[in-house]
Amino acid sequence: MERLVNIGRFAGPVHTQQGGPMLIRDVEKFMREHDMPATKFGRLAAHDPRFVLDLRMGRIPRPATEARTRRWMREFANMQATQEVQPC
């Protein structure tokens, strides 16, 4: 079975129609930073375990879904940072 690899074919940042960075890039970075599998991210952020896989295949989420996902990532990161600071 062949494995697809991102070889960085884009010369610059890729943007959505609204002019912001593509959601998939932010999601991939978030998952790397938090060591989170794609299916877990999808279940937690969008209640859809295939969410990230669909984004990788070209799915373009609705603006409300994108905003909700970005908000969830911010809140999750803030919660993780708060937990790391508190002593046990």
C-alpha atoms as a PDB file:
ATOM      1  CA  MET A   1       0.000   0.000   0.000  1.00  0.00           C
ATOM      2  CA  GLU A   2       1.372   3.394  -0.961  1.00  0.00           C
ATOM      3  CA  ARG A   3       1.737   6.084   1.635  1.00  0.00           C
ATOM      4  CA  LEU A   4       1.124   9.678   0.678  1.00  0.00           C
ATOM      5  CA  VAL A   5       3.707  12.184   1.823  1.00  0.00           C
ATOM      6  CA  ASN A   6       3.421  15.955   1.894  1.00  0.00           C
ATOM      7  CA  ILE A   7       6.452  17.156  -0.051  1.00  0.00           C
ATOM      8  CA  GLY A   8       5.772  20.878   0.286  1.00  0.00           C
ATOM      9  CA  ARG A   9       4.626  21.551  -3.265  1.00  0.00           C
ATOM     10  CA  PHE A  10       3.285  25.005  -2.426  1.00  0.00           C
ATOM     11  CA  ALA A  11       5.603  27.976  -2.711  1.00  0.00           C
ATOM     12  CA  GLY A  12       3.733  30.107  -0.192  1.00  0.00           C
ATOM     13  CA  PRO A  13       0.867  29.974   2.267  1.00  0.00           C
ATOM     14  CA  VAL A  14      -2.393  28.588   0.934  1.00  0.00           C
ATOM     15  CA  HIS A  15      -5.477  30.683   1.658  1.00  0.00           C
ATOM     16  CA  THR A  16      -9.191  30.056   1.728  1.00  0.00           C
ATOM     17  CA  GLN A  17     -11.647  32.206  -0.174  1.00  0.00           C
ATOM     18  CA  GLN A  18     -12.019  34.403   2.923  1.00  0.00           C
ATOM     19  CA  GLY A  19      -8.273  35.157   2.815  1.00  0.00           C
ATOM     20  CA  GLY A  20      -7.246  33.284   6.003  1.00  0.00           C
ATOM     21  CA  PRO A  21      -4.894  30.326   6.250  1.00  0.00           C
ATOM     22  CA  MET A  22      -6.368  26.962   5.360  1.00  0.00           C
ATOM     23  CA  LEU A  23      -7.861  25.109   8.287  1.00  0.00           C
ATOM     24  CA  ILE A  24      -6.086  21.844   7.487  1.00  0.00           C
ATOM     25  CA  ARG A  25      -2.659  23.401   7.998  1.00  0.00           C
ATOM     26  CA  ASP A  26      -3.631  24.728  11.415  1.00  0.00           C
ATOM     27  CA  VAL A  27      -5.220  21.402  12.346  1.00  0.00           C
ATOM     28  CA  GLU A  28      -2.131  19.421  11.291  1.00  0.00           C
ATOM     29  CA  LYS A  29       0.112  21.751  13.306  1.00  0.00           C
ATOM     30  CA  PHE A  30      -2.203  21.492  16.328  1.00  0.00           C
ATOM     31  CA  MET A  31      -2.225  17.686  16.167  1.00  0.00           C
ATOM     32  CA  ARG A  32       1.601  17.582  16.004  1.00  0.00           C
ATOM     33  CA  GLU A  33       1.959  19.991  18.935  1.00  0.00           C
ATOM     34  CA  HIS A  34      -0.510  18.043  21.082  1.00  0.00           C
ATOM     35  CA  ASP A  35       0.476  14.556  19.860  1.00  0.00           C
ATOM     36  CA  MET A  36      -3.140  13.862  18.930  1.00  0.00           C
ATOM     37  CA  PRO A  37      -4.334  11.345  16.315  1.00  0.00           C
ATOM     38  CA  ALA A  38      -6.552  12.621  13.522  1.00  0.00           C
ATOM     39  CA  THR A  39      -9.582  10.576  14.557  1.00  0.00           C
ATOM     40  CA  LYS A  40      -9.388  11.789  18.158  1.00  0.00           C
ATOM     41  CA  PHE A  41      -9.150  15.395  17.002  1.00  0.00           C
ATOM     42  CA  GLY A  42     -12.169  14.916  14.747  1.00  0.00           C
ATOM     43  CA  ARG A  43     -14.255  13.345  17.515  1.00  0.00           C
ATOM     44  CA  LEU A  44     -13.395  16.056  20.034  1.00  0.00           C
ATOM     45  CA  ALA A  45     -13.463  19.118  17.785  1.00  0.00           C
ATOM     46  CA  ALA A  46     -16.195  18.286  15.270  1.00  0.00           C
ATOM     47  CA  HIS A  47     -17.939  15.174  16.615  1.00  0.00           C
ATOM     48  CA  ASP A  48     -16.786  13.435  13.418  1.00  0.00           C
ATOM     49  CA  PRO A  49     -13.861  10.979  13.524  1.00  0.00           C
ATOM     50  CA  ARG A  50     -13.385  11.400   9.738  1.00  0.00           C
ATOM     51  CA  PHE A  51     -13.224  15.210   9.897  1.00  0.00           C
ATOM     52  CA  VAL A  52      -9.435  15.518   9.475  1.00  0.00           C
ATOM     53  CA  LEU A  53      -9.310  12.742   6.896  1.00  0.00           C
ATOM     54  CA  ASP A  54     -11.990  14.537   4.896  1.00  0.00           C
ATOM     55  CA  LEU A  55     -10.089  17.847   5.173  1.00  0.00           C
ATOM     56  CA  ARG A  56      -6.992  16.085   3.838  1.00  0.00           C
ATOM     57  CA  MET A  57      -9.042  14.876   0.870  1.00  0.00           C
ATOM     58  CA  GLY A  58     -10.162  18.432   0.049  1.00  0.00           C
ATOM     59  CA  ARG A  59     -13.304  18.948   2.128  1.00  0.00           C
ATOM     60  CA  ILE A  60     -14.030  22.634   2.617  1.00  0.00           C
ATOM     61  CA  PRO A  61     -15.958  23.137   5.854  1.00  0.00           C
ATOM     62  CA  ARG A  62     -18.660  25.743   6.245  1.00  0.00           C
ATOM     63  CA  PRO A  63     -17.505  29.010   7.821  1.00  0.00           C
ATOM     64  CA  ALA A  64     -19.370  28.213  11.053  1.00  0.00           C
ATOM     65  CA  THR A  65     -17.707  24.771  11.271  1.00  0.00           C
ATOM     66  CA  GLU A  66     -14.285  26.295  10.658  1.00  0.00           C
ATOM     67  CA  ALA A  67     -14.874  28.963  13.327  1.00  0.00           C
ATOM     68  CA  ARG A  68     -16.098  26.354  15.824  1.00  0.00           C
ATOM     69  CA  THR A  69     -13.047  24.156  15.141  1.00  0.00           C
ATOM     70  CA  ARG A  70     -10.608  27.054  15.540  1.00  0.00           C
ATOM     71  CA  ARG A  71     -12.342  28.107  18.777  1.00  0.00           C
ATOM     72  CA  TRP A  72     -12.112  24.530  20.090  1.00  0.00           C
ATOM     73  CA  MET A  73      -8.363  24.419  19.291  1.00  0.00           C
ATOM     74  CA  ARG A  74      -7.781  27.701  21.164  1.00  0.00           C
ATOM     75  CA  GLU A  75      -9.769  26.538  24.196  1.00  0.00           C
ATOM     76  CA  PHE A  76      -8.039  23.140  24.253  1.00  0.00           C
ATOM     77  CA  ALA A  77      -4.585  24.765  24.046  1.00  0.00           C
ATOM     78  CA  ASN A  78      -5.491  27.220  26.830  1.00  0.00           C
ATOM     79  CA  MET A  79      -6.786  24.388  29.013  1.00  0.00           C
ATOM     80  CA  GLN A  80      -3.591  22.373  28.439  1.00  0.00           C
ATOM     81  CA  ALA A  81      -1.441  25.391  29.291  1.00  0.00           C
ATOM     82  CA  THR A  82      -3.428  26.004  32.491  1.00  0.00           C
ATOM     83  CA  GLN A  83      -3.076  22.368  33.562  1.00  0.00           C
ATOM     84  CA  GLU A  84       0.700  22.440  33.007  1.00  0.00           C
ATOM     85  CA  VAL A  85       1.089  25.510  35.232  1.00  0.00           C
ATOM     86  CA  GLN A  86      -0.955  24.222  38.202  1.00  0.00           C
ATOM     87  CA  PRO A  87       1.046  22.224  40.778  1.00  0.00           C
ATOM     88  CA  CYS A  88      -0.207  18.764  41.709  1.00  0.00           C
END
